[in-house]
Amino acid sequence: MQRPGKSKTPRRPGPKKASNTEKDPVGVYCRIRPLGTEDEECCVEMISSSTIQLHAPDGLKANRNGEYKETQYSFKKVFGINTTQMELFEDVAKPLVEDLIHCKNGLLFTYGVTGSGKTFTMTGSPGEGGLLPRSLDMLFNSIGPFQAKRFVFKPDEKNGMEIQNQVDALLERQKRDSQQSVPKTPSSRQRADPEFADMISSEEACKSENVDEDCCFSVFVSYIEIYNNYIYDLLEDAPYDPIRPKWLGGGTPVRNNEFIPPQSKILREDQNHNMYVAGCTEVEVKSTEEAFEVFWKGQKKRRIANTQLNRESSRSHSVFTVKLAQAPLDADGDHILQDKNQVNVSQLCLVDLAGSERTSRTKAEGSRLREAGNINQSLMTLRTCMEVLRENQMCGTNKMVPYRDSKVTHLFKNYFDGEGKVRMIVCVNPNADDYEETMLVMRFAEMTQEVEVARPVDRPICFLPAGRRHRNQAFRNEFPRRLDEQGGPSASVNDPVLLNQLIESLPALPPCEVVDPADDQTLPRLIEVLEKRQRIRQMMTEEFNKTAYTLKSMLQQFDSQLNAKETFLHDQQSKLGEKEKVIIGQRTELERLEKKSKTLEYKIDILQKTTGMYEQDKRSLQQELETREQRLQRELSERRRMEQRMQGMVTDTKLKWEKECERRVNAKQLEMQNKLWVKDEKLKQLKAIVTESSNGSGGGCPTERPERPSRERDRNIGQKRSASPSPLPTAPPVHPMHRRSHSAGGEKWVDHKPSSNLDLDTVMQPIIPNAIKVSTPSEKALSKCHKYVLRHQELASDGEIETKLIKGNVFKTRGGGQAVQFTDIETLKQEYQTAPSRKRRSGSAEGPVQMDEIENRPPVASSSYDYQKRRKP
C-alpha cells in the first residue's frame, strides 16, 4: 500500500481581507449576580431585557455633592439574578458552537471586577454547568457519530494539522498502547471526575442539527494561563527527576510541598499571520467526559488566591481552546479524502479574564500586589486597543493598535482583525461597595459595543456530491437484504445451516452399494439422480444469474436516478448560489448604507454638538451685549443727569454773577453821584463865598446861600437808586433778567398740588402753561403728559414757609404702565429783610455821603436747584 504524504492545513484560502467585507459589532451581554446577603446595599437595577441602571450609593452622593447621577447602559441582552446557566448558554455560547462546526472561529470572554461571578459563568458548579462544559457537551453530541479514529488528524508544531492514512494512525495507536511509561491521553473508558459527572443533566443536553455527515471530525483541546504577562501551559507534564533536586532562584532548594511553575511559552505567527502559543500541548479527546478530565487537570494548576474581596480569586487569565479539525470523505464515502486543501481547522477560545481590583480595597502586598498590577495593566491595554479600533472605524483613521503591549491582546488580535466572531459577557456585582469599579466596567462595555469585527464567511469544504456517507451505509445495508429476498447467494453463503438447507432441498441419493456384478439397476438409478441434481443446480445457477442481472439493472437504474437527482440538485445549487450572490450583494449594499448612515449620524452628532456650542456662545454674547447695553444706558442717563446738573449750576452761577455785577454797578453809580453832589455843593459854597466877598466889597449886598436838595428829592433819588440806579444821568436803567421756571417749556405737565398746601400771596408765582392740575396723580393724567411737578410745602428753620417744586420725566414701563423719573428740585422761599438806615453826611471829600433813609425792599423770591440721583421706575 502506498502512503500519501503529510499535508499542512490552510487556515483560510484566498485573501485574508476584502474591501467589501461585512462587519458585525462585538456582542456584549450583561449578567447580574445575586447579592451575598440581604442587608447589602444594591446599586444596579435591571430596567428591561437590554438596559440596566446604576444608582450611586447615598454615602458617595454626600461626599461628592451629588456629582454622580443615575446612569443607564444598554446591552445586546441583560440576564438577571434568576437567569439559569442553560438560558445563558442558549443565547450566548450555542451560536458560537454551531459556527465552530461550520468552520468559523469564535472568541468568548468574561469581563468584570473581582468577585462578580466570571469563573462561575464560564465553569459553573455541580448541577449548574457553565458555558465551557455545555459547549463541549453540545459539540460531542453533534459530531459523535462522525468522529475519525484517533491519530488520523495530528497537530504539527506550527499551528497546522497533519492528516494521516489509516495505517499510520493504527501504528500511532499501537505505539501509544505499547508505551505504558509515557503518560496516556485521558480516555473516555476511565472513570470521570465526580465533580464534573453531574454538571449537565440529560434533559439539558443539546446538539446541532446542521452537521455535515460527509466529513470526519476530531477535537483537540489546550489550556493555558497568562500570569504576570507570561504564558504557561496548564496541560504540560513536567518530568520529575528524583535524583536531581530542584532549586528556586537564589540557590534555595525546593521543599516537597512547594510548587515549581513550568517554563513560560512564547507567541509566534504562522504562515497565515495567525498568532499561536508555540509548544503548547494539544490533547485529542473523543468524548465530553474525556474533555472534562483534561480541563480539570489544567484547572488544578491554575493560580488562585484568597483576597479580602474574593475567597478564590483568579490571579491569571485562563484560555481554554477547543480546536475542531474536519476533512471530507472520498467519493465512495469510506475513507477520509487525502487532500490537504480540503482539511479545515476552526477553534473556539473560552477566556476567563481575571477581575480588575483596587489595592486600596484588597490590601494586597508582595506578590499579590504585583499580580494585581499586571492584571490591571493587561485589562487597561485591552481597553486601549478597543478605543483605537473604535476610533479607526468611526473616524477613518489608521492608527496602530497596541496589541503587543499585552499577551492577552497579542494572542487574540486576529479575532479583532476579522478572523471570527467575538462576544463578551460583562459580569456585574450589584453591591454598592463596587459602584466605582462597576462604573468603569460599564463604560468599557459601552465602548466595546461600538467596535465592529469582520463577519466570517461560509467556506465550502469540497465539490463532491453530498450524501456520500449515507449512500454507502444504505448500500451496505440494502445489498444483503435484496440478495436474501431474491434467494441468491449472499455474504453469508458459508453459513453451515444454510448449506445444510440447500443440500436437503436436492433429491436424495439412492443406495449405491453394488453386491452383484450383474446388477444393472443401481448404477442407472444413481446416474439418474445425479443428472436430476445437476439439472436442479443448473436451474439454480440460471436463477442466480437472472437475479444478479436484475439486481445489476436495478443498481444501474438507481445510479441513473441518482445522477439525475444529483444533476437536478446541482442545478438547484447553482440557482441557490446565484440567489446567494444577489443576497450578498444586497447585504453589501445594506451594509454600505448602514455604514453611511452611521457616518451621517456621527456627523450629525458632531454638528449638533457644534451647534450647541455656538448657541451657548451666542447666548453668552447676547447676555454680555445686554449687560453692556444696560451699562451704556446707565452711563448715558448718568451723563444726561450730569449735563442737566452742570447746566443748572452754570445758570445759577451766571445769575449770581449778573446780580453781583448789577449790585456793584449800582453801588458805583451811587458813589459817583454822591461824589458829584459833594463837588456841586463845594462849588456852590465856593461860589457863594466868592459872591459874598464881591458883594461886600461892592455895596454889602446880602449873601445868598445855595439851597441844599430837599429830603424829598434825596428820598426820591434813593428810592430811584435802590430800584435801578444808573451810573450816569444819561445812561439807560439796567433791568435785571428774571430767570423763568424750568417748567415753563413747551412740554405738557402734570401739576400735582396737594389739597393741604397753603396759598401764598407772593408777587412771583410759578406759572406752568399746558398743565393738567390734579390733587392726586392718576395713570390717565400721566399717560397724557411728558413732565411731572409736585408742589411740596414745609416749614423752614426760620419759621417761614418753603415751597419745593419736585420735577421729573414721565415714561412708559414694559408692563404698559407709567413711571416718573425725578430730575431736579426747585425751592421757593419768602424772606423779609430789614436793613439799617444810612445817613447822608456832607462834609469833606474824604468819604462818600451815606443816605439816612431806609429803602423798604419788596420780598425777593430766591430759587435754588438740587438734583437727586436717578431712581429706577
Foldseek 3Di string as FASTA:
>chain_A
DDWDDKFWADADPDDPDDPLFFWAFAAEEEEEADAPDPPFDFQWADDDQFKIKGQADPVVCVVVVNPDHIDMFGGPGYHYNPDAQLNVLVVPVPVQLVVQLLQAAEEEEEAAAWPLCLCCQQANWQQRGHNPLLSQLQNCVACQVQADDPPQWDDDQQRTIIGTFPVVRVVVVVVQVVPPVPDHQDAPVDDFDPGPPRNDDPVSGHYDPPHANQKHKWKKKFKWWQFLQFIAGLLDDDDDDPPDFDADPPGHTDDPPDDDGDDTWDWDAHPVRAIDTGPTDIGIYNHSRSVNVSVVSSVVVFDFDCFPNHGTFGLIKMKMKMKMKMAGCDQQSPTGDPDSHLIHIYMYIYIYQGRADDCVVRVDDDPSVSSNVSSVQQVVLVLQLLVVQLCCLQVVDDDDRPQVVGPVSVNCVVQLAARHHYHYYYRDHRRSVCSVSVVVSSVSSSSSSSHIHRHDDRDDRDDHDGDSNVVNVCCVVVVQVLCVVLVADHPVPVPVVVVVVVVVVQDDAPDQDDDDPVDPPNVVSRVVSVVRSVVVVVVNVVSNVVSVVVVVVVVVVVVVVVVVVSVVVVVVVVVVVVVVVVVVVVVSVVSVVVSVVSNVVVVVVVVVVVVVVVVVVVVVVVVVVVVVVVVVVVVVVVVVLVVVVVVQVVVVVVLVVLVVVQVVQLVLLQQLVQLVLLVVQVVQVVVQVVVQVVCCVVPRDDTDRDDDDDVVVVVVVVQVSVVFHHNDPVDDTDDRDDDADPQQDPWAEEEAEAPPDDDDPDPDDHDHPNYHYDPDDDQVRLVVTFKYWYWDWDADPVRWIKIKIWIWTWDADPVGTIDTKTRKIKIWTWDFDFDAAWPFDHDDPPGGGIHRDDDRDGIDIDIDMDTDDTDDD
